[in-house]
Amino acid sequence: MEEDKIESVKKGFWEKVKKVAGKVPFLPDAIALYFAMLDPDTPLKAKLTIAGALTYFLTPWDVIPDVFIGAGYLDDAAVIAAVIQAATIFIKEEHRNKAKEFLGSASKEQKI
């Protein structure tokens, strides 16, 4: 049952990332969290905490609905920042590097 939360994030994460790329400054952190969540070395409790934050990010209707330009992602940024702080020991440099690589390749694809 708990793993369902992780699977739910996996299903919608990349679609949301593509939708908000270039619009939210915390996207590299969200992607690094995603890779940390998938890492077999990350304990289940940390994975579930990360999945909760990413689920909040994926939900368009939250405390400040994402449709409000400018302010819509402030609450999402706060949740991501809190989980980055709480789970920092599980976010490895390789997770951050994968996030940078993804964002770098995505921006190259957009230029084509």
PDB file of N, CA and C in Angstrom:
ATOM      1  N   MET A   1       0.818  -1.186   0.000  1.00  0.00           N
ATOM      2  CA  MET A   1       0.000   0.000   0.000  1.00  0.00           C
ATOM      3  C   MET A   1       0.868   1.258   0.000  1.00  0.00           C
ATOM      4  N   GLU A   2       1.891   1.312   0.831  1.00  0.00           N
ATOM      5  CA  GLU A   2       2.763   2.480   0.892  1.00  0.00           C
ATOM      6  C   GLU A   2       3.499   2.693  -0.425  1.00  0.00           C
ATOM      7  N   GLU A   3       3.872   1.601  -1.074  1.00  0.00           N
ATOM      8  CA  GLU A   3       4.578   1.698  -2.343  1.00  0.00           C
ATOM      9  C   GLU A   3       3.685   2.284  -3.435  1.00  0.00           C
ATOM     10  N   ASP A   4       2.361   2.250  -3.254  1.00  0.00           N
ATOM     11  CA  ASP A   4       1.441   2.855  -4.221  1.00  0.00           C
ATOM     12  C   ASP A   4       1.697   4.353  -4.365  1.00  0.00           C
ATOM     13  N   LYS A   5       2.085   5.004  -3.279  1.00  0.00           N
ATOM     14  CA  LYS A   5       2.392   6.433  -3.322  1.00  0.00           C
ATOM     15  C   LYS A   5       3.569   6.689  -4.257  1.00  0.00           C
ATOM     16  N   ILE A   6       4.568   5.838  -4.164  1.00  0.00           N
ATOM     17  CA  ILE A   6       5.755   5.973  -5.006  1.00  0.00           C
ATOM     18  C   ILE A   6       5.383   5.721  -6.460  1.00  0.00           C
ATOM     19  N   GLU A   7       4.597   4.687  -6.701  1.00  0.00           N
ATOM     20  CA  GLU A   7       4.177   4.373  -8.072  1.00  0.00           C
ATOM     21  C   GLU A   7       3.341   5.500  -8.668  1.00  0.00           C
ATOM     22  N   SER A   8       2.523   6.119  -7.860  1.00  0.00           N
ATOM     23  CA  SER A   8       1.699   7.241  -8.319  1.00  0.00           C
ATOM     24  C   SER A   8       2.585   8.405  -8.764  1.00  0.00           C
ATOM     25  N   VAL A   9       3.617   8.684  -8.010  1.00  0.00           N
ATOM     26  CA  VAL A   9       4.549   9.752  -8.383  1.00  0.00           C
ATOM     27  C   VAL A   9       5.244   9.396  -9.696  1.00  0.00           C
ATOM     28  N   LYS A  10       5.685   8.157  -9.820  1.00  0.00           N
ATOM     29  CA  LYS A  10       6.370   7.727 -11.045  1.00  0.00           C
ATOM     30  C   LYS A  10       5.509   7.960 -12.287  1.00  0.00           C
ATOM     31  N   LYS A  11       4.211   7.725 -12.155  1.00  0.00           N
ATOM     32  CA  LYS A  11       3.315   7.840 -13.313  1.00  0.00           C
ATOM     33  C   LYS A  11       3.159   9.274 -13.811  1.00  0.00           C
ATOM     34  N   GLY A  12       3.146  10.242 -12.917  1.00  0.00           N
ATOM     35  CA  GLY A  12       2.862  11.602 -13.353  1.00  0.00           C
ATOM     36  C   GLY A  12       4.021  12.582 -13.298  1.00  0.00           C
ATOM     37  N   PHE A  13       5.157  12.140 -12.785  1.00  0.00           N
ATOM     38  CA  PHE A  13       6.245  13.073 -12.522  1.00  0.00           C
ATOM     39  C   PHE A  13       6.804  13.736 -13.773  1.00  0.00           C
ATOM     40  N   TRP A  14       7.196  12.955 -14.759  1.00  0.00           N
ATOM     41  CA  TRP A  14       7.889  13.534 -15.918  1.00  0.00           C
ATOM     42  C   TRP A  14       6.963  14.418 -16.752  1.00  0.00           C
ATOM     43  N   GLU A  15       5.700  14.087 -16.794  1.00  0.00           N
ATOM     44  CA  GLU A  15       4.738  14.936 -17.505  1.00  0.00           C
ATOM     45  C   GLU A  15       4.669  16.321 -16.850  1.00  0.00           C
ATOM     46  N   LYS A  16       4.615  16.343 -15.522  1.00  0.00           N
ATOM     47  CA  LYS A  16       4.577  17.608 -14.789  1.00  0.00           C
ATOM     48  C   LYS A  16       5.877  18.377 -14.978  1.00  0.00           C
ATOM     49  N   VAL A  17       7.004  17.676 -14.942  1.00  0.00           N
ATOM     50  CA  VAL A  17       8.304  18.326 -15.128  1.00  0.00           C
ATOM     51  C   VAL A  17       8.349  19.028 -16.478  1.00  0.00           C
ATOM     52  N   LYS A  18       7.916  18.343 -17.508  1.00  0.00           N
ATOM     53  CA  LYS A  18       7.925  18.950 -18.847  1.00  0.00           C
ATOM     54  C   LYS A  18       7.006  20.158 -18.911  1.00  0.00           C
ATOM     55  N   LYS A  19       5.896  20.093 -18.207  1.00  0.00           N
ATOM     56  CA  LYS A  19       4.918  21.182 -18.213  1.00  0.00           C
ATOM     57  C   LYS A  19       5.460  22.446 -17.539  1.00  0.00           C
ATOM     58  N   VAL A  20       6.236  22.276 -16.469  1.00  0.00           N
ATOM     59  CA  VAL A  20       6.691  23.428 -15.697  1.00  0.00           C
ATOM     60  C   VAL A  20       8.153  23.800 -15.945  1.00  0.00           C
ATOM     61  N   ALA A  21       8.828  23.074 -16.813  1.00  0.00           N
ATOM     62  CA  ALA A  21      10.246  23.358 -17.087  1.00  0.00           C
ATOM     63  C   ALA A  21      10.410  24.820 -17.481  1.00  0.00           C
ATOM     64  N   GLY A  22      11.358  25.480 -16.844  1.00  0.00           N
ATOM     65  CA  GLY A  22      11.616  26.885 -17.102  1.00  0.00           C
ATOM     66  C   GLY A  22      10.702  27.834 -16.343  1.00  0.00           C
ATOM     67  N   LYS A  23       9.728  27.297 -15.624  1.00  0.00           N
ATOM     68  CA  LYS A  23       8.766  28.136 -14.899  1.00  0.00           C
ATOM     69  C   LYS A  23       8.968  28.124 -13.390  1.00  0.00           C
ATOM     70  N   VAL A  24       9.588  27.078 -12.870  1.00  0.00           N
ATOM     71  CA  VAL A  24       9.770  26.981 -11.421  1.00  0.00           C
ATOM     72  C   VAL A  24      11.258  26.789 -11.099  1.00  0.00           C
ATOM     73  N   PRO A  25      11.790  27.637 -10.240  1.00  0.00           N
ATOM     74  CA  PRO A  25      13.227  27.564  -9.945  1.00  0.00           C
ATOM     75  C   PRO A  25      13.639  26.355  -9.109  1.00  0.00           C
ATOM     76  N   PHE A  26      12.676  25.709  -8.453  1.00  0.00           N
ATOM     77  CA  PHE A  26      13.023  24.564  -7.602  1.00  0.00           C
ATOM     78  C   PHE A  26      12.990  23.239  -8.349  1.00  0.00           C
ATOM     79  N   LEU A  27      12.818  23.275  -9.666  1.00  0.00           N
ATOM     80  CA  LEU A  27      12.705  22.035 -10.437  1.00  0.00           C
ATOM     81  C   LEU A  27      13.925  21.119 -10.286  1.00  0.00           C
ATOM     82  N   PRO A  28      15.169  21.633 -10.292  1.00  0.00           N
ATOM     83  CA  PRO A  28      16.307  20.723 -10.080  1.00  0.00           C
ATOM     84  C   PRO A  28      16.212  19.970  -8.752  1.00  0.00           C
ATOM     85  N   ASP A  29      15.728  20.646  -7.708  1.00  0.00           N
ATOM     86  CA  ASP A  29      15.570  19.977  -6.409  1.00  0.00           C
ATOM     87  C   ASP A  29      14.490  18.904  -6.463  1.00  0.00           C
ATOM     88  N   ALA A  30      13.394  19.197  -7.133  1.00  0.00           N
ATOM     89  CA  ALA A  30      12.311  18.212  -7.253  1.00  0.00           C
ATOM     90  C   ALA A  30      12.800  16.973  -8.005  1.00  0.00           C
ATOM     91  N   ILE A  31      13.570  17.199  -9.064  1.00  0.00           N
ATOM     92  CA  ILE A  31      14.085  16.059  -9.840  1.00  0.00           C
ATOM     93  C   ILE A  31      15.101  15.271  -9.019  1.00  0.00           C
ATOM     94  N   ALA A  32      15.953  15.954  -8.278  1.00  0.00           N
ATOM     95  CA  ALA A  32      16.910  15.256  -7.409  1.00  0.00           C
ATOM     96  C   ALA A  32      16.168  14.428  -6.363  1.00  0.00           C
ATOM     97  N   LEU A  33      15.090  14.975  -5.816  1.00  0.00           N
ATOM     98  CA  LEU A  33      14.274  14.204  -4.870  1.00  0.00           C
ATOM     99  C   LEU A  33      13.696  12.960  -5.538  1.00  0.00           C
ATOM    100  N   TYR A  34      13.241  13.112  -6.763  1.00  0.00           N
ATOM    101  CA  TYR A  34      12.681  11.970  -7.497  1.00  0.00           C
ATOM    102  C   TYR A  34      13.720  10.853  -7.616  1.00  0.00           C
ATOM    103  N   PHE A  35      14.937  11.221  -8.013  1.00  0.00           N
ATOM    104  CA  PHE A  35      15.985  10.205  -8.144  1.00  0.00           C
ATOM    105  C   PHE A  35      16.357   9.604  -6.790  1.00  0.00           C
ATOM    106  N   ALA A  36      16.333  10.405  -5.732  1.00  0.00           N
ATOM    107  CA  ALA A  36      16.589   9.872  -4.389  1.00  0.00           C
ATOM    108  C   ALA A  36      15.501   8.880  -3.994  1.00  0.00           C
ATOM    109  N   MET A  37      14.262   9.189  -4.369  1.00  0.00           N
ATOM    110  CA  MET A  37      13.135   8.298  -4.058  1.00  0.00           C
ATOM    111  C   MET A  37      13.311   6.946  -4.754  1.00  0.00           C
ATOM    112  N   LEU A  38      13.869   6.948  -5.950  1.00  0.00           N
ATOM    113  CA  LEU A  38      14.058   5.703  -6.700  1.00  0.00           C
ATOM    114  C   LEU A  38      15.286   4.912  -6.263  1.00  0.00           C
ATOM    115  N   ASP A  39      16.185   5.542  -5.558  1.00  0.00           N
ATOM    116  CA  ASP A  39      17.445   4.912  -5.160  1.00  0.00           C
ATOM    117  C   ASP A  39      17.179   3.773  -4.180  1.00  0.00           C
ATOM    118  N   PRO A  40      17.664   2.574  -4.486  1.00  0.00           N
ATOM    119  CA  PRO A  40      17.450   1.441  -3.569  1.00  0.00           C
ATOM    120  C   PRO A  40      18.091   1.642  -2.198  1.00  0.00           C
ATOM    121  N   ASP A  41      19.076   2.535  -2.085  1.00  0.00           N
ATOM    122  CA  ASP A  41      19.728   2.796  -0.801  1.00  0.00           C
ATOM    123  C   ASP A  41      18.918   3.729   0.100  1.00  0.00           C
ATOM    124  N   THR A  42      17.928   4.403  -0.453  1.00  0.00           N
ATOM    125  CA  THR A  42      17.108   5.316   0.344  1.00  0.00           C
ATOM    126  C   THR A  42      16.107   4.494   1.152  1.00  0.00           C
ATOM    127  N   PRO A  43      16.065   4.706   2.470  1.00  0.00           N
ATOM    128  CA  PRO A  43      15.119   3.952   3.308  1.00  0.00           C
ATOM    129  C   PRO A  43      13.664   4.249   2.920  1.00  0.00           C
ATOM    130  N   LEU A  44      12.801   3.287   3.161  1.00  0.00           N
ATOM    131  CA  LEU A  44      11.396   3.414   2.778  1.00  0.00           C
ATOM    132  C   LEU A  44      10.747   4.653   3.410  1.00  0.00           C
ATOM    133  N   LYS A  45      11.023   4.918   4.662  1.00  0.00           N
ATOM    134  CA  LYS A  45      10.425   6.076   5.327  1.00  0.00           C
ATOM    135  C   LYS A  45      10.792   7.372   4.589  1.00  0.00           C
ATOM    136  N   ALA A  46      12.045   7.503   4.179  1.00  0.00           N
ATOM    137  CA  ALA A  46      12.482   8.691   3.436  1.00  0.00           C
ATOM    138  C   ALA A  46      11.832   8.721   2.057  1.00  0.00           C
ATOM    139  N   LYS A  47      11.723   7.563   1.412  1.00  0.00           N
ATOM    140  CA  LYS A  47      11.073   7.488   0.102  1.00  0.00           C
ATOM    141  C   LYS A  47       9.623   7.956   0.191  1.00  0.00           C
ATOM    142  N   LEU A  48       8.937   7.557   1.244  1.00  0.00           N
ATOM    143  CA  LEU A  48       7.533   7.937   1.408  1.00  0.00           C
ATOM    144  C   LEU A  48       7.389   9.432   1.707  1.00  0.00           C
ATOM    145  N   THR A  49       8.328   9.973   2.460  1.00  0.00           N
ATOM    146  CA  THR A  49       8.323  11.420   2.721  1.00  0.00           C
ATOM    147  C   THR A  49       8.534  12.180   1.422  1.00  0.00           C
ATOM    148  N   ILE A  50       9.485  11.737   0.634  1.00  0.00           N
ATOM    149  CA  ILE A  50       9.759  12.360  -0.664  1.00  0.00           C
ATOM    150  C   ILE A  50       8.544  12.212  -1.581  1.00  0.00           C
ATOM    151  N   ALA A  51       7.959  11.018  -1.603  1.00  0.00           N
ATOM    152  CA  ALA A  51       6.785  10.780  -2.453  1.00  0.00           C
ATOM    153  C   ALA A  51       5.641  11.712  -2.054  1.00  0.00           C
ATOM    154  N   GLY A  52       5.488  11.963  -0.763  1.00  0.00           N
ATOM    155  CA  GLY A  52       4.444  12.885  -0.306  1.00  0.00           C
ATOM    156  C   GLY A  52       4.665  14.289  -0.840  1.00  0.00           C
ATOM    157  N   ALA A  53       5.897  14.761  -0.777  1.00  0.00           N
ATOM    158  CA  ALA A  53       6.213  16.104  -1.290  1.00  0.00           C
ATOM    159  C   ALA A  53       6.017  16.166  -2.798  1.00  0.00           C
ATOM    160  N   LEU A  54       6.453  15.143  -3.494  1.00  0.00           N
ATOM    161  CA  LEU A  54       6.315  15.141  -4.951  1.00  0.00           C
ATOM    162  C   LEU A  54       4.854  14.994  -5.373  1.00  0.00           C
ATOM    163  N   THR A  55       4.065  14.282  -4.594  1.00  0.00           N
ATOM    164  CA  THR A  55       2.631  14.191  -4.867  1.00  0.00           C
ATOM    165  C   THR A  55       1.996  15.574  -4.742  1.00  0.00           C
ATOM    166  N   TYR A  56       2.410  16.309  -3.745  1.00  0.00           N
ATOM    167  CA  TYR A  56       1.900  17.674  -3.566  1.00  0.00           C
ATOM    168  C   TYR A  56       2.276  18.529  -4.779  1.00  0.00           C
ATOM    169  N   PHE A  57       3.500  18.388  -5.253  1.00  0.00           N
ATOM    170  CA  PHE A  57       3.972  19.104  -6.437  1.00  0.00           C
ATOM    171  C   PHE A  57       3.152  18.729  -7.671  1.00  0.00           C
ATOM    172  N   LEU A  58       2.778  17.471  -7.788  1.00  0.00           N
ATOM    173  CA  LEU A  58       2.024  16.999  -8.953  1.00  0.00           C
ATOM    174  C   LEU A  58       0.569  17.460  -8.946  1.00  0.00           C
ATOM    175  N   THR A  59       0.037  17.756  -7.770  1.00  0.00           N
ATOM    176  CA  THR A  59      -1.364  18.130  -7.645  1.00  0.00           C
ATOM    177  C   THR A  59      -1.563  19.595  -8.035  1.00  0.00           C
ATOM    178  N   PRO A  60      -2.392  19.867  -9.044  1.00  0.00           N
ATOM    179  CA  PRO A  60      -2.578  21.262  -9.467  1.00  0.00           C
ATOM    180  C   PRO A  60      -3.405  22.091  -8.488  1.00  0.00           C
ATOM    181  N   TRP A  61      -4.241  21.448  -7.698  1.00  0.00           N
ATOM    182  CA  TRP A  61      -5.100  22.174  -6.760  1.00  0.00           C
ATOM    183  C   TRP A  61      -4.630  21.899  -5.343  1.00  0.00           C
ATOM    184  N   ASP A  62      -3.831  22.818  -4.815  1.00  0.00           N
ATOM    185  CA  ASP A  62      -3.344  22.670  -3.454  1.00  0.00           C
ATOM    186  C   ASP A  62      -3.596  23.976  -2.710  1.00  0.00           C
ATOM    187  N   VAL A  63      -2.838  24.292  -1.706  1.00  0.00           N
ATOM    188  CA  VAL A  63      -3.109  25.483  -0.892  1.00  0.00           C
ATOM    189  C   VAL A  63      -3.190  26.734  -1.768  1.00  0.00           C
ATOM    190  N   ILE A  64      -2.197  26.907  -2.640  1.00  0.00           N
ATOM    191  CA  ILE A  64      -2.236  27.985  -3.637  1.00  0.00           C
ATOM    192  C   ILE A  64      -2.284  27.276  -4.991  1.00  0.00           C
ATOM    193  N   PRO A  65      -3.440  27.257  -5.653  1.00  0.00           N
ATOM    194  CA  PRO A  65      -3.549  26.524  -6.924  1.00  0.00           C
ATOM    195  C   PRO A  65      -2.485  26.961  -7.938  1.00  0.00           C
ATOM    196  N   ASP A  66      -1.922  25.987  -8.634  1.00  0.00           N
ATOM    197  CA  ASP A  66      -0.823  26.223  -9.563  1.00  0.00           C
ATOM    198  C   ASP A  66      -1.206  27.123 -10.733  1.00  0.00           C
ATOM    199  N   VAL A  67      -2.492  27.303 -10.981  1.00  0.00           N
ATOM    200  CA  VAL A  67      -2.921  28.137 -12.104  1.00  0.00           C
ATOM    201  C   VAL A  67      -2.683  29.622 -11.842  1.00  0.00           C
ATOM    202  N   PHE A  68      -2.427  30.012 -10.594  1.00  0.00           N
ATOM    203  CA  PHE A  68      -2.144  31.414 -10.288  1.00  0.00           C
ATOM    204  C   PHE A  68      -0.691  31.708 -10.647  1.00  0.00           C
ATOM    205  N   ILE A  69      -0.507  32.402 -11.752  1.00  0.00           N
ATOM    206  CA  ILE A  69       0.834  32.700 -12.254  1.00  0.00           C
ATOM    207  C   ILE A  69       1.600  33.501 -11.199  1.00  0.00           C
ATOM    208  N   GLY A  70       2.823  33.097 -10.980  1.00  0.00           N
ATOM    209  CA  GLY A  70       3.678  33.780 -10.014  1.00  0.00           C
ATOM    210  C   GLY A  70       3.600  33.187  -8.623  1.00  0.00           C
ATOM    211  N   ALA A  71       2.412  33.100  -8.074  1.00  0.00           N
ATOM    212  CA  ALA A  71       2.253  32.619  -6.698  1.00  0.00           C
ATOM    213  C   ALA A  71       1.880  31.148  -6.621  1.00  0.00           C
ATOM    214  N   GLY A  72       1.450  30.570  -7.723  1.00  0.00           N
ATOM    215  CA  GLY A  72       0.909  29.221  -7.716  1.00  0.00           C
ATOM    216  C   GLY A  72       1.846  28.130  -7.247  1.00  0.00           C
ATOM    217  N   TYR A  73       3.149  28.355  -7.378  1.00  0.00           N
ATOM    218  CA  TYR A  73       4.097  27.319  -6.990  1.00  0.00           C
ATOM    219  C   TYR A  73       4.850  27.652  -5.704  1.00  0.00           C
ATOM    220  N   LEU A  74       4.468  28.725  -5.022  1.00  0.00           N
ATOM    221  CA  LEU A  74       5.154  29.085  -3.783  1.00  0.00           C
ATOM    222  C   LEU A  74       4.993  28.011  -2.716  1.00  0.00           C
ATOM    223  N   ASP A  75       3.779  27.481  -2.581  1.00  0.00           N
ATOM    224  CA  ASP A  75       3.567  26.440  -1.581  1.00  0.00           C
ATOM    225  C   ASP A  75       4.300  25.159  -1.960  1.00  0.00           C
ATOM    226  N   ASP A  76       4.334  24.846  -3.262  1.00  0.00           N
ATOM    227  CA  ASP A  76       5.071  23.671  -3.721  1.00  0.00           C
ATOM    228  C   ASP A  76       6.563  23.825  -3.406  1.00  0.00           C
ATOM    229  N   ALA A  77       7.091  25.031  -3.639  1.00  0.00           N
ATOM    230  CA  ALA A  77       8.502  25.299  -3.354  1.00  0.00           C
ATOM    231  C   ALA A  77       8.796  25.111  -1.869  1.00  0.00           C
ATOM    232  N   ALA A  78       7.883  25.559  -1.027  1.00  0.00           N
ATOM    233  CA  ALA A  78       8.077  25.418   0.422  1.00  0.00           C
ATOM    234  C   ALA A  78       8.090  23.949   0.841  1.00  0.00           C
ATOM    235  N   VAL A  79       7.202  23.163   0.270  1.00  0.00           N
ATOM    236  CA  VAL A  79       7.143  21.726   0.596  1.00  0.00           C
ATOM    237  C   VAL A  79       8.418  21.037   0.119  1.00  0.00           C
ATOM    238  N   ILE A  80       8.838  21.330  -1.116  1.00  0.00           N
ATOM    239  CA  ILE A  80      10.073  20.731  -1.654  1.00  0.00           C
ATOM    240  C   ILE A  80      11.264  21.130  -0.784  1.00  0.00           C
ATOM    241  N   ALA A  81      11.357  22.405  -0.414  1.00  0.00           N
ATOM    242  CA  ALA A  81      12.470  22.868   0.425  1.00  0.00           C
ATOM    243  C   ALA A  81      12.485  22.173   1.777  1.00  0.00           C
ATOM    244  N   ALA A  82      11.320  21.986   2.360  1.00  0.00           N
ATOM    245  CA  ALA A  82      11.246  21.312   3.660  1.00  0.00           C
ATOM    246  C   ALA A  82      11.721  19.867   3.569  1.00  0.00           C
ATOM    247  N   VAL A  83      11.328  19.192   2.512  1.00  0.00           N
ATOM    248  CA  VAL A  83      11.735  17.792   2.365  1.00  0.00           C
ATOM    249  C   VAL A  83      13.210  17.687   1.985  1.00  0.00           C
ATOM    250  N   ILE A  84      13.705  18.629   1.200  1.00  0.00           N
ATOM    251  CA  ILE A  84      15.151  18.662   0.910  1.00  0.00           C
ATOM    252  C   ILE A  84      15.911  18.753   2.234  1.00  0.00           C
ATOM    253  N   GLN A  85      15.448  19.618   3.120  1.00  0.00           N
ATOM    254  CA  GLN A  85      16.097  19.790   4.430  1.00  0.00           C
ATOM    255  C   GLN A  85      15.992  18.508   5.261  1.00  0.00           C
ATOM    256  N   ALA A  86      14.813  17.910   5.288  1.00  0.00           N
ATOM    257  CA  ALA A  86      14.584  16.724   6.121  1.00  0.00           C
ATOM    258  C   ALA A  86      15.296  15.487   5.585  1.00  0.00           C
ATOM    259  N   ALA A  87      15.396  15.382   4.273  1.00  0.00           N
ATOM    260  CA  ALA A  87      15.959  14.167   3.664  1.00  0.00           C
ATOM    261  C   ALA A  87      17.330  14.404   3.048  1.00  0.00           C
ATOM    262  N   THR A  88      17.981  15.477   3.437  1.00  0.00           N
ATOM    263  CA  THR A  88      19.235  15.868   2.798  1.00  0.00           C
ATOM    264  C   THR A  88      20.296  14.767   2.802  1.00  0.00           C
ATOM    265  N   ILE A  89      20.335  13.949   3.834  1.00  0.00           N
ATOM    266  CA  ILE A  89      21.361  12.895   3.882  1.00  0.00           C
ATOM    267  C   ILE A  89      21.124  11.796   2.846  1.00  0.00           C
ATOM    268  N   PHE A  90      19.908  11.749   2.297  1.00  0.00           N
ATOM    269  CA  PHE A  90      19.600  10.724   1.302  1.00  0.00           C
ATOM    270  C   PHE A  90      19.688  11.249  -0.133  1.00  0.00           C
ATOM    271  N   ILE A  91      19.904  12.548  -0.273  1.00  0.00           N
ATOM    272  CA  ILE A  91      20.027  13.133  -1.608  1.00  0.00           C
ATOM    273  C   ILE A  91      21.515  13.197  -1.930  1.00  0.00           C
ATOM    274  N   LYS A  92      21.915  12.288  -2.796  1.00  0.00           N
ATOM    275  CA  LYS A  92      23.325  12.159  -3.134  1.00  0.00           C
ATOM    276  C   LYS A  92      23.689  13.098  -4.282  1.00  0.00           C
ATOM    277  N   GLU A  93      24.981  13.313  -4.422  1.00  0.00           N
ATOM    278  CA  GLU A  93      25.471  14.141  -5.524  1.00  0.00           C
ATOM    279  C   GLU A  93      25.046  13.551  -6.872  1.00  0.00           C
ATOM    280  N   GLU A  94      24.998  12.218  -6.954  1.00  0.00           N
ATOM    281  CA  GLU A  94      24.574  11.590  -8.207  1.00  0.00           C
ATOM    282  C   GLU A  94      23.123  11.929  -8.546  1.00  0.00           C
ATOM    283  N   HIS A  95      22.271  12.103  -7.535  1.00  0.00           N
ATOM    284  CA  HIS A  95      20.880  12.489  -7.785  1.00  0.00           C
ATOM    285  C   HIS A  95      20.821  13.906  -8.345  1.00  0.00           C
ATOM    286  N   ARG A  96      21.625  14.786  -7.766  1.00  0.00           N
ATOM    287  CA  ARG A  96      21.674  16.172  -8.256  1.00  0.00           C
ATOM    288  C   ARG A  96      22.257  16.225  -9.670  1.00  0.00           C
ATOM    289  N   ASN A  97      23.285  15.414  -9.919  1.00  0.00           N
ATOM    290  CA  ASN A  97      23.889  15.391 -11.250  1.00  0.00           C
ATOM    291  C   ASN A  97      22.916  14.865 -12.303  1.00  0.00           C
ATOM    292  N   LYS A  98      22.146  13.845 -11.961  1.00  0.00           N
ATOM    293  CA  LYS A  98      21.136  13.327 -12.895  1.00  0.00           C
ATOM    294  C   LYS A  98      20.093  14.396 -13.209  1.00  0.00           C
ATOM    295  N   ALA A  99      19.719  15.171 -12.190  1.00  0.00           N
ATOM    296  CA  ALA A  99      18.756  16.262 -12.397  1.00  0.00           C
ATOM    297  C   ALA A  99      19.336  17.291 -13.360  1.00  0.00           C
ATOM    298  N   LYS A 100      20.587  17.675 -13.150  1.00  0.00           N
ATOM    299  CA  LYS A 100      21.241  18.640 -14.039  1.00  0.00           C
ATOM    300  C   LYS A 100      21.343  18.095 -15.462  1.00  0.00           C
ATOM    301  N   GLU A 101      21.698  16.823 -15.575  1.00  0.00           N
ATOM    302  CA  GLU A 101      21.793  16.191 -16.896  1.00  0.00           C
ATOM    303  C   GLU A 101      20.448  16.203 -17.601  1.00  0.00           C
ATOM    304  N   PHE A 102      19.402  15.847 -16.876  1.00  0.00           N
ATOM    305  CA  PHE A 102      18.072  15.841 -17.480  1.00  0.00           C
ATOM    306  C   PHE A 102      17.695  17.236 -17.950  1.00  0.00           C
ATOM    307  N   LEU A 103      17.876  18.224 -17.101  1.00  0.00           N
ATOM    308  CA  LEU A 103      17.506  19.585 -17.461  1.00  0.00           C
ATOM    309  C   LEU A 103      18.352  20.113 -18.613  1.00  0.00           C
ATOM    310  N   GLY A 104      19.624  19.728 -18.639  1.00  0.00           N
ATOM    311  CA  GLY A 104      20.492  20.131 -19.745  1.00  0.00           C
ATOM    312  C   GLY A 104      20.067  19.514 -21.057  1.00  0.00           C
ATOM    313  N   SER A 105      19.717  18.228 -21.044  1.00  0.00           N
ATOM    314  CA  SER A 105      19.278  17.564 -22.281  1.00  0.00           C
ATOM    315  C   SER A 105      17.907  18.048 -22.694  1.00  0.00           C
ATOM    316  N   ALA A 106      17.049  18.367 -21.737  1.00  0.00           N
ATOM    317  CA  ALA A 106      15.703  18.853 -22.061  1.00  0.00           C
ATOM    318  C   ALA A 106      15.779  20.230 -22.725  1.00  0.00           C
ATOM    319  N   SER A 107      16.691  21.084 -22.244  1.00  0.00           N
ATOM    320  CA  SER A 107      16.795  22.414 -22.842  1.00  0.00           C
ATOM    321  C   SER A 107      17.390  22.329 -24.241  1.00  0.00           C
ATOM    322  N   LYS A 108      18.271  21.370 -24.473  1.00  0.00           N
ATOM    323  CA  LYS A 108      18.839  21.171 -25.816  1.00  0.00           C
ATOM    324  C   LYS A 108      17.747  20.702 -26.771  1.00  0.00           C
ATOM    325  N   GLU A 109      16.865  19.819 -26.318  1.00  0.00           N
ATOM    326  CA  GLU A 109      15.785  19.308 -27.147  1.00  0.00           C
ATOM    327  C   GLU A 109      14.814  20.423 -27.518  1.00  0.00           C
ATOM    328  N   GLN A 110      14.577  21.364 -26.624  1.00  0.00           N
ATOM    329  CA  GLN A 110      13.653  22.460 -26.887  1.00  0.00           C
ATOM    330  C   GLN A 110      14.206  23.402 -27.941  1.00  0.00           C
ATOM    331  N   LYS A 111      15.520  23.500 -28.078  1.00  0.00           N
ATOM    332  CA  LYS A 111      16.132  24.386 -29.059  1.00  0.00           C
ATOM    333  C   LYS A 111      16.063  23.822 -30.466  1.00  0.00           C
ATOM    334  N   ILE A 112      15.826  22.533 -30.586  1.00  0.00           N
ATOM    335  CA  ILE A 112      15.786  21.893 -31.910  1.00  0.00           C
ATOM    336  C   ILE A 112      14.520  22.212 -32.630  1.00  0.00           C
TER     337      ILE A 112
END
